Amino acid sequence: VQMVESGGGLVQAGGSLRLSCAASGSMFSINVMGWYRRAPGKQRELVAAIDSGADIYYADSVKGRFTISRDNAKNMLYLQMNSLKPEDTGVYYCNGDTYWGQGTQVTVSS
């Protein structure tokens, strides 16, 4: 399974972006899928995750602002990001099982 992220870019603080992750194979066999980010000078951290039963986890820093969703029929994972802050800047990666995307850059200007 290959993962390809899209939807990153440059946005002003308070703006929104929607990240998408397209999986080349079936996502039905992958229980937990998630979005990670690596901020400049920091380690990669889990931002949000969703399992096949639609249980969802959010990091405290993004609760109430980000929404994760998945569409197994389309083999897609999404991350809707609202009220973006400069500290949300980083490279965002989608992950499922042992599969990772190449990352998409999100830059939030103040």
Protein backbone atom coordinates (compact mmCIF):
# COMPACT_ATOMS: atom_id res chain seq x y z
CA VAL A 1 0.00 0.00 0.00
CA GLN A 2 1.33 3.43 -0.95
CA MET A 3 0.12 6.62 0.68
CA VAL A 4 0.19 9.98 -1.10
CA GLU A 5 -0.68 13.17 0.78
CA SER A 6 -1.95 16.38 -0.78
CA GLY A 7 -3.55 19.64 0.29
CA GLY A 8 -0.72 21.32 2.15
CA GLY A 9 0.29 24.90 1.55
CA LEU A 10 0.78 28.35 2.99
CA VAL A 11 -2.09 29.89 4.94
CA GLN A 12 -2.52 32.78 7.33
CA ALA A 13 -3.28 32.18 10.99
CA GLY A 14 -6.98 31.54 11.44
CA GLY A 15 -7.30 29.95 8.03
CA SER A 16 -8.17 26.41 7.00
CA LEU A 17 -6.67 23.60 4.99
CA ARG A 18 -7.89 20.13 4.13
CA LEU A 19 -5.30 17.41 3.80
CA SER A 20 -6.03 14.27 1.82
CA CYS A 21 -4.23 10.96 1.76
CA ALA A 22 -4.83 8.55 -1.09
CA ALA A 23 -3.97 4.91 -0.50
CA SER A 24 -3.06 2.81 -3.52
CA GLY A 25 -4.45 -0.34 -1.99
CA SER A 26 -7.41 -1.28 0.13
CA MET A 27 -7.70 0.43 3.50
CA PHE A 28 -10.23 -2.07 4.78
CA SER A 29 -7.49 -4.23 6.29
CA ILE A 30 -5.86 -1.30 8.09
CA ASN A 31 -7.43 -0.77 11.50
CA VAL A 32 -5.86 2.45 12.68
CA MET A 33 -4.95 5.31 10.37
CA GLY A 34 -3.51 8.58 11.47
CA TRP A 35 -1.98 11.92 10.70
CA TYR A 36 1.41 12.84 12.15
CA ARG A 37 3.35 16.04 11.87
CA ARG A 38 6.96 17.01 12.28
CA ALA A 39 7.39 20.63 13.30
CA PRO A 40 10.73 22.36 12.67
CA GLY A 41 13.27 21.17 15.23
CA LYS A 42 10.86 18.73 16.85
CA GLN A 43 10.12 15.05 16.74
CA ARG A 44 7.26 13.65 14.76
CA GLU A 45 4.06 13.60 16.79
CA LEU A 46 0.64 12.03 16.38
CA VAL A 47 -1.98 14.65 15.55
CA ALA A 48 -5.09 12.53 15.04
CA ALA A 49 -6.03 8.90 14.51
CA ILE A 50 -9.14 6.97 13.54
CA ASP A 51 -9.78 3.25 13.68
CA SER A 52 -12.06 1.05 11.64
CA GLY A 53 -14.78 1.42 14.27
CA ALA A 54 -14.58 5.21 13.89
CA ASP A 55 -13.08 5.74 17.33
CA ILE A 56 -11.02 8.91 17.13
CA TYR A 57 -8.04 10.37 18.96
CA TYR A 58 -6.86 13.97 18.82
CA ALA A 59 -3.81 15.52 20.34
CA ASP A 60 -4.79 18.13 22.91
CA SER A 61 -3.22 20.86 20.80
CA VAL A 62 -5.67 20.31 17.93
CA LYS A 63 -8.88 19.31 19.70
CA GLY A 64 -11.84 21.38 18.53
CA ARG A 65 -9.94 22.61 15.45
CA PHE A 66 -9.03 19.50 13.45
CA THR A 67 -11.29 16.75 12.17
CA ILE A 68 -10.05 13.39 10.91
CA SER A 69 -12.14 11.16 8.68
CA ARG A 70 -11.70 8.17 6.43
CA ASP A 71 -13.53 6.79 3.43
CA ASN A 72 -12.61 3.13 3.04
CA ALA A 73 -14.62 2.78 -0.16
CA LYS A 74 -12.47 5.46 -1.79
CA ASN A 75 -9.27 4.49 0.08
CA MET A 76 -8.96 8.04 1.38
CA LEU A 77 -7.97 9.62 4.69
CA TYR A 78 -8.67 13.28 5.42
CA LEU A 79 -7.70 15.93 7.92
CA GLN A 80 -9.76 19.12 8.03
CA MET A 81 -7.76 21.81 9.80
CA ASN A 82 -9.51 24.98 10.94
CA SER A 83 -8.40 27.96 13.00
CA LEU A 84 -4.81 27.22 12.09
CA LYS A 85 -2.03 28.59 14.25
CA PRO A 86 1.64 29.21 13.46
CA GLU A 87 2.52 26.32 15.77
CA ASP A 88 0.65 23.98 13.41
CA THR A 89 3.43 24.52 10.87
CA GLY A 90 5.20 21.35 9.86
CA VAL A 91 5.30 18.41 7.51
CA TYR A 92 2.18 16.29 7.81
CA TYR A 93 2.31 12.56 7.15
CA CYS A 94 -0.45 10.00 6.83
CA ASN A 95 0.09 6.58 8.27
CA GLY A 96 -1.64 3.24 8.27
CA ASP A 97 -0.04 0.15 9.78
CA THR A 98 3.56 0.21 8.52
CA TYR A 99 2.79 2.47 5.56
CA TRP A 100 3.74 6.13 5.40
CA GLY A 101 3.27 8.90 2.89
CA GLN A 102 6.03 11.24 1.79
CA GLY A 103 4.55 14.17 3.67
CA THR A 104 2.98 17.48 2.74
CA GLN A 105 4.18 20.85 4.02
CA VAL A 106 1.82 23.06 5.99
CA THR A 107 3.00 26.58 6.78
CA VAL A 108 0.90 28.94 8.88
CA SER A 109 1.98 32.56 8.90
CA SER A 110 1.23 34.90 11.77
